[in-house]
Amino acid sequence: MDQSAFILQQIVNAIFLGSIYALIALGYTMVYGIIELINFAHGELFTAGAFIGVIVLTGLQSFGFVESHFVISMIIVFGLAMAYVAVLGVAVEHVAYKPLRDSSRLAALLSALGMSIFLSNGMMLSQGVSDRAYPPVFGVQGIDIGGAIITNGQIFIVLLAIAMMIALQLFVHRTRLGKAMRATAQNRTMARMLGIDIDQTIRITFMIGPALGAAAGVMVGLHYGAVRFDMGFIFMIKAFAAAILGGIGSIPGAMIGGLTIGAIEVFWAAFLPSAWKDVTTFTVLILVLYFKPSGLLGESESEVRV
């Protein structure tokens, strides 16, 4: 592979990885934009979606349904994973966050960390500590563009991730519920005076954010071929860095942050010692926050914006 094809291949890999980070980061930035709380259980919700995906996909494949009805199978797998995690996200908010909504931030932070540990141990006990293999549904086929190979799985995942991000933007900007979310993020007291149901808005946020994380979990399983109960931690850290880098509370910022973190990680591993790629990611994050503490697209006041 010549140099230009190699660079093109890394660009493809960066877009793929960055899209996954962006989807996970959106969950962080939406929750923070509404209630100014970092949902540290988001990584476990992402993992839960990955496990639901492998359970459903394995069941469908055992009946030969995936081979004969691939599109419908993917709709079922992603739909059930996202629905399950959306309900789980609402349950987490109701149990761990809602009772502490008017308490100190330290109390909410400890509750978030406790819920993260609880969910992680629950998945360890129910799914085991070993890797859970995903059925191979895409194979190794792909298309050759200038010497770079783009697999069918990468094409599917990137297009789906882009579609979800566009759908979220349209939802937040064009729908009544989306406008309620933006109003709540800007001024919760004023939104309540205008008749917006704050509790309902927060519940919807805790449905959408985790659901996007669940979709990312299924994507990770489909691409890498396996999932495990503790995989959410490293993806959580990278997505959290992406959300901070783009500007916590900014939906476009989370997308840009995810793609930036993915590009840094991929290109560092391609040209420099890969053992240092994580260090480099956070070094860039620190530099950005040093010169622009609110992030690339952030503002002094957090809000969900377009």
Protein backbone atom coordinates (compact mmCIF):
# COMPACT_ATOMS: atom_id res chain seq x y z
CA MET A 1 0.00 0.00 0.00
CA ASP A 2 1.51 3.35 -1.06
CA GLN A 3 1.60 6.41 1.20
CA SER A 4 -1.49 8.12 -0.22
CA ALA A 5 -3.58 4.95 0.07
CA PHE A 6 -2.30 4.44 3.61
CA ILE A 7 -3.31 7.96 4.62
CA LEU A 8 -6.71 7.54 2.98
CA GLN A 9 -7.18 4.29 4.91
CA GLN A 10 -6.43 6.10 8.17
CA ILE A 11 -8.94 8.81 7.30
CA VAL A 12 -11.58 6.12 6.81
CA ASN A 13 -10.66 4.53 10.13
CA ALA A 14 -10.73 7.92 11.87
CA ILE A 15 -14.21 8.71 10.57
CA PHE A 16 -15.43 5.30 11.69
CA LEU A 17 -13.99 5.50 15.20
CA GLY A 18 -14.88 9.17 15.59
CA SER A 19 -18.51 8.46 14.68
CA ILE A 20 -18.77 5.96 17.52
CA TYR A 21 -17.16 8.36 20.00
CA ALA A 22 -19.51 11.11 18.82
CA LEU A 23 -22.62 9.01 19.41
CA ILE A 24 -21.53 8.19 22.95
CA ALA A 25 -20.48 11.79 23.61
CA LEU A 26 -23.92 13.01 22.59
CA GLY A 27 -25.40 11.17 25.57
CA TYR A 28 -23.03 12.97 27.92
CA THR A 29 -23.59 16.40 26.45
CA MET A 30 -27.40 16.10 26.36
CA VAL A 31 -27.66 15.09 30.01
CA TYR A 32 -25.21 17.78 31.10
CA GLY A 33 -26.98 20.40 29.03
CA ILE A 34 -30.28 19.68 30.80
CA ILE A 35 -29.32 18.98 34.43
CA GLU A 36 -25.61 19.92 34.52
CA LEU A 37 -24.66 16.44 35.68
CA ILE A 38 -22.09 14.09 34.17
CA ASN A 39 -23.82 10.72 33.83
CA PHE A 40 -20.95 8.42 34.81
CA ALA A 41 -23.24 5.42 34.29
CA HIS A 42 -23.35 6.21 30.56
CA GLY A 43 -20.50 3.79 29.80
CA GLU A 44 -22.43 0.95 31.43
CA LEU A 45 -25.58 1.86 29.49
CA PHE A 46 -23.48 1.73 26.32
CA THR A 47 -22.29 -1.75 27.34
CA ALA A 48 -25.81 -2.89 28.15
CA GLY A 49 -26.86 -1.98 24.63
CA ALA A 50 -23.98 -4.02 23.23
CA PHE A 51 -25.08 -7.08 25.24
CA ILE A 52 -28.72 -6.75 24.20
CA GLY A 53 -27.52 -6.53 20.62
CA VAL A 54 -25.50 -9.75 20.80
CA ILE A 55 -28.33 -11.60 22.54
CA VAL A 56 -30.91 -10.56 19.95
CA LEU A 57 -28.58 -11.03 16.98
CA THR A 58 -27.54 -14.50 18.12
CA GLY A 59 -31.18 -15.48 18.51
CA LEU A 60 -32.11 -14.21 15.06
CA GLN A 61 -29.13 -15.94 13.46
CA SER A 62 -30.01 -19.25 15.10
CA PHE A 63 -33.25 -19.20 13.10
CA GLY A 64 -31.49 -18.14 9.89
CA PHE A 65 -33.37 -14.84 9.91
CA VAL A 66 -30.30 -12.60 9.52
CA GLU A 67 -29.23 -14.17 6.22
CA SER A 68 -32.71 -13.97 4.69
CA HIS A 69 -33.85 -10.63 6.15
CA PHE A 70 -30.72 -8.62 6.91
CA VAL A 71 -32.26 -5.12 6.97
CA ILE A 72 -35.16 -6.19 9.17
CA SER A 73 -32.71 -8.00 11.45
CA MET A 74 -30.64 -4.86 11.91
CA ILE A 75 -33.76 -2.83 12.64
CA ILE A 76 -34.79 -5.36 15.29
CA VAL A 77 -31.32 -5.56 16.85
CA PHE A 78 -30.75 -1.81 17.04
CA GLY A 79 -34.39 -1.10 17.91
CA LEU A 80 -34.53 -3.52 20.85
CA ALA A 81 -31.10 -2.50 22.16
CA MET A 82 -31.97 1.19 22.03
CA ALA A 83 -35.44 0.66 23.52
CA TYR A 84 -34.11 -1.44 26.40
CA VAL A 85 -31.36 1.03 27.26
CA ALA A 86 -33.75 3.99 26.93
CA VAL A 87 -35.99 2.42 29.58
CA LEU A 88 -32.93 1.59 31.68
CA GLY A 89 -31.73 5.18 31.36
CA VAL A 90 -35.06 6.51 32.64
CA ALA A 91 -34.90 4.03 35.54
CA VAL A 92 -31.37 5.19 36.40
CA GLU A 93 -32.49 8.82 36.37
CA HIS A 94 -35.52 8.07 38.55
CA VAL A 95 -33.57 6.06 41.12
CA ALA A 96 -30.16 7.70 41.25
CA TYR A 97 -30.53 11.29 40.03
CA LYS A 98 -34.06 12.60 40.51
CA PRO A 99 -34.06 12.34 44.35
CA LEU A 100 -30.82 14.35 44.42
CA ARG A 101 -31.79 16.94 41.84
CA ASP A 102 -31.85 19.74 44.42
CA SER A 103 -28.94 18.40 46.47
CA SER A 104 -25.28 19.27 46.22
CA ARG A 105 -23.33 18.34 43.10
CA LEU A 106 -21.09 16.11 45.20
CA ALA A 107 -24.07 14.00 46.27
CA ALA A 108 -25.22 13.64 42.65
CA LEU A 109 -21.67 12.79 41.55
CA LEU A 110 -21.35 10.04 44.16
CA SER A 111 -24.75 8.68 43.17
CA ALA A 112 -23.68 8.60 39.51
CA LEU A 113 -20.48 6.74 40.37
CA GLY A 114 -22.41 4.30 42.56
CA MET A 115 -24.88 3.58 39.76
CA SER A 116 -21.98 2.98 37.37
CA ILE A 117 -20.47 0.39 39.72
CA PHE A 118 -23.87 -1.22 40.31
CA LEU A 119 -24.60 -1.63 36.60
CA SER A 120 -21.09 -2.87 35.83
CA ASN A 121 -21.26 -5.55 38.49
CA GLY A 122 -24.76 -6.50 37.39
CA MET A 123 -23.53 -7.15 33.86
CA MET A 124 -20.52 -9.05 35.17
CA LEU A 125 -22.77 -11.37 37.20
CA SER A 126 -25.35 -11.84 34.45
CA GLN A 127 -23.09 -12.02 31.38
CA GLY A 128 -19.83 -13.33 32.83
CA VAL A 129 -16.30 -11.95 32.72
CA SER A 130 -15.28 -13.46 29.38
CA ASP A 131 -15.68 -11.86 25.97
CA ARG A 132 -19.06 -12.41 24.33
CA ALA A 133 -18.64 -13.02 20.59
CA TYR A 134 -20.84 -11.21 18.08
CA PRO A 135 -22.03 -13.24 15.10
CA PRO A 136 -20.12 -12.12 11.97
CA VAL A 137 -22.76 -10.60 9.71
CA PHE A 138 -20.68 -8.35 7.44
CA GLY A 139 -17.68 -10.49 6.62
CA VAL A 140 -14.53 -8.92 5.19
CA GLN A 141 -15.96 -7.70 1.89
CA GLY A 142 -15.74 -4.03 1.04
CA ILE A 143 -14.92 -1.53 -1.66
CA ASP A 144 -11.53 -0.26 -2.80
CA ILE A 145 -11.18 3.51 -3.07
CA GLY A 146 -7.73 4.68 -4.10
CA GLY A 147 -6.13 1.66 -2.46
CA ALA A 148 -8.03 2.09 0.82
CA ILE A 149 -10.41 -0.70 1.78
CA ILE A 150 -13.74 0.34 3.25
CA THR A 151 -15.56 -2.71 4.58
CA ASN A 152 -19.30 -3.14 4.29
CA GLY A 153 -19.51 -3.03 8.08
CA GLN A 154 -17.74 0.33 8.24
CA ILE A 155 -19.99 1.77 5.55
CA PHE A 156 -23.11 0.57 7.35
CA ILE A 157 -22.00 1.82 10.76
CA VAL A 158 -20.80 5.26 9.59
CA LEU A 159 -23.95 5.90 7.54
CA LEU A 160 -26.16 4.83 10.44
CA ALA A 161 -24.21 7.00 12.89
CA ILE A 162 -24.49 10.02 10.59
CA ALA A 163 -28.23 9.40 10.15
CA MET A 164 -28.72 9.27 13.92
CA MET A 165 -26.78 12.50 14.46
CA ILE A 166 -28.78 14.30 11.78
CA ALA A 167 -32.02 12.95 13.25
CA LEU A 168 -31.02 14.23 16.68
CA GLN A 169 -30.22 17.67 15.29
CA LEU A 170 -33.60 17.83 13.56
CA PHE A 171 -35.37 16.61 16.69
CA VAL A 172 -33.74 19.21 18.95
CA HIS A 173 -34.21 22.05 16.46
CA ARG A 174 -37.54 21.32 14.79
CA THR A 175 -39.81 19.51 17.26
CA ARG A 176 -41.81 20.82 20.20
CA LEU A 177 -40.07 18.46 22.61
CA GLY A 178 -36.69 19.47 21.25
CA LYS A 179 -37.47 23.14 21.84
CA ALA A 180 -38.60 22.26 25.36
CA MET A 181 -35.23 20.61 25.93
CA ARG A 182 -33.38 23.67 24.72
CA ALA A 183 -35.50 25.96 26.88
CA THR A 184 -34.92 23.76 29.93
CA ALA A 185 -31.19 23.78 29.28
CA GLN A 186 -31.08 27.57 29.02
CA ASN A 187 -33.21 28.40 32.06
CA ARG A 188 -35.04 25.69 33.96
CA THR A 189 -37.01 28.13 36.14
CA MET A 190 -38.24 30.17 33.20
CA ALA A 191 -39.11 27.01 31.26
CA ARG A 192 -41.25 25.81 34.17
CA MET A 193 -43.03 29.21 34.31
CA LEU A 194 -43.83 28.86 30.61
CA GLY A 195 -45.59 25.56 31.25
CA ILE A 196 -42.86 23.13 30.18
CA ASP A 197 -42.95 19.83 32.04
CA ILE A 198 -39.39 19.71 33.36
CA ASP A 199 -39.65 16.13 34.63
CA GLN A 200 -40.88 14.90 31.26
CA THR A 201 -38.12 16.79 29.46
CA ILE A 202 -35.45 15.23 31.67
CA ARG A 203 -36.95 11.76 31.16
CA ILE A 204 -36.84 12.21 27.39
CA THR A 205 -33.22 13.31 27.63
CA PHE A 206 -32.37 10.20 29.64
CA MET A 207 -34.09 8.12 26.96
CA ILE A 208 -32.42 9.64 23.91
CA GLY A 209 -28.87 9.92 25.26
CA PRO A 210 -28.55 6.31 26.50
CA ALA A 211 -30.35 5.04 23.38
CA LEU A 212 -27.67 6.62 21.19
CA GLY A 213 -25.04 5.05 23.44
CA ALA A 214 -26.73 1.67 23.03
CA ALA A 215 -26.59 2.03 19.24
CA ALA A 216 -22.87 2.78 19.54
CA GLY A 217 -22.46 -0.34 21.69
CA VAL A 218 -24.03 -2.52 19.02
CA MET A 219 -21.80 -0.89 16.40
CA VAL A 220 -18.71 -1.67 18.45
CA GLY A 221 -19.78 -5.29 18.81
CA LEU A 222 -20.51 -5.67 15.11
CA HIS A 223 -17.14 -4.19 14.13
CA TYR A 224 -14.79 -5.68 16.71
CA GLY A 225 -16.62 -8.99 16.98
CA ALA A 226 -16.88 -9.21 20.77
CA VAL A 227 -18.04 -7.33 23.86
CA ARG A 228 -17.34 -7.65 27.56
CA PHE A 229 -18.84 -6.26 30.74
CA ASP A 230 -16.10 -3.68 31.43
CA MET A 231 -15.56 -2.34 27.92
CA GLY A 232 -17.65 0.73 28.64
CA PHE A 233 -14.95 2.33 30.76
CA ILE A 234 -12.42 3.12 28.04
CA PHE A 235 -15.13 4.21 25.58
CA MET A 236 -16.67 6.34 28.33
CA ILE A 237 -13.37 8.10 28.96
CA LYS A 238 -12.79 8.77 25.24
CA ALA A 239 -16.36 9.97 24.70
CA PHE A 240 -16.18 12.15 27.80
CA ALA A 241 -13.00 13.70 26.42
CA ALA A 242 -14.80 14.27 23.11
CA ALA A 243 -17.73 15.98 24.84
CA ILE A 244 -15.38 18.24 26.82
CA LEU A 245 -13.24 18.95 23.77
CA GLY A 246 -16.22 19.96 21.64
CA GLY A 247 -17.86 21.93 24.45
CA ILE A 248 -19.95 20.14 27.04
CA GLY A 249 -23.61 20.91 26.39
CA SER A 250 -23.12 21.47 22.65
CA ILE A 251 -24.54 18.81 20.32
CA PRO A 252 -22.44 19.90 17.30
CA GLY A 253 -19.48 20.14 19.65
CA ALA A 254 -19.91 16.51 20.72
CA MET A 255 -19.89 15.44 17.07
CA ILE A 256 -16.78 17.47 16.26
CA GLY A 257 -15.10 16.35 19.47
CA GLY A 258 -15.78 12.70 18.71
CA LEU A 259 -14.35 12.95 15.20
CA THR A 260 -11.33 14.87 16.51
CA ILE A 261 -10.55 12.32 19.22
CA GLY A 262 -10.98 9.50 16.70
CA ALA A 263 -8.62 11.19 14.22
CA ILE A 264 -5.98 11.85 16.87
CA GLU A 265 -6.09 8.27 18.08
CA VAL A 266 -5.99 6.68 14.63
CA PHE A 267 -3.23 8.85 13.15
CA TRP A 268 -1.05 8.64 16.24
CA ALA A 269 -1.30 4.84 16.22
CA ALA A 270 -0.52 4.81 12.48
CA PHE A 271 2.60 6.96 12.52
CA LEU A 272 3.90 6.93 16.10
CA PRO A 273 4.12 4.42 18.98
CA SER A 274 0.56 3.24 19.56
CA ALA A 275 1.15 2.78 23.29
CA TRP A 276 1.10 6.57 23.65
CA LYS A 277 -2.06 7.27 21.67
CA ASP A 278 -4.29 7.59 24.74
CA VAL A 279 -1.80 9.95 26.39
CA THR A 280 -1.76 12.10 23.27
CA THR A 281 -5.55 12.25 23.20
CA PHE A 282 -5.70 13.71 26.67
CA THR A 283 -2.72 15.97 26.07
CA VAL A 284 -4.62 17.61 23.21
CA LEU A 285 -7.67 17.85 25.44
CA ILE A 286 -5.66 19.57 28.18
CA LEU A 287 -4.19 22.04 25.70
CA VAL A 288 -7.61 22.92 24.30
CA LEU A 289 -9.05 23.42 27.77
CA TYR A 290 -6.04 25.51 28.77
CA PHE A 291 -6.52 27.95 25.89
CA LYS A 292 -10.33 27.64 25.62
CA PRO A 293 -11.80 26.12 28.80
CA SER A 294 -15.33 25.94 27.39
CA GLY A 295 -14.21 23.68 24.53
CA LEU A 296 -14.21 24.24 20.79
CA LEU A 297 -17.90 25.15 20.47
CA GLY A 298 -18.78 25.65 24.12
CA GLU A 299 -19.95 28.82 25.81
CA SER A 300 -19.75 30.06 29.34
CA GLU A 301 -23.31 28.96 29.99
CA SER A 302 -24.10 25.34 29.12
CA GLU A 303 -27.05 24.74 26.86
CA VAL A 304 -28.23 22.24 24.30
CA ARG A 305 -27.97 24.16 21.06
CA VAL A 306 -27.68 23.67 17.34
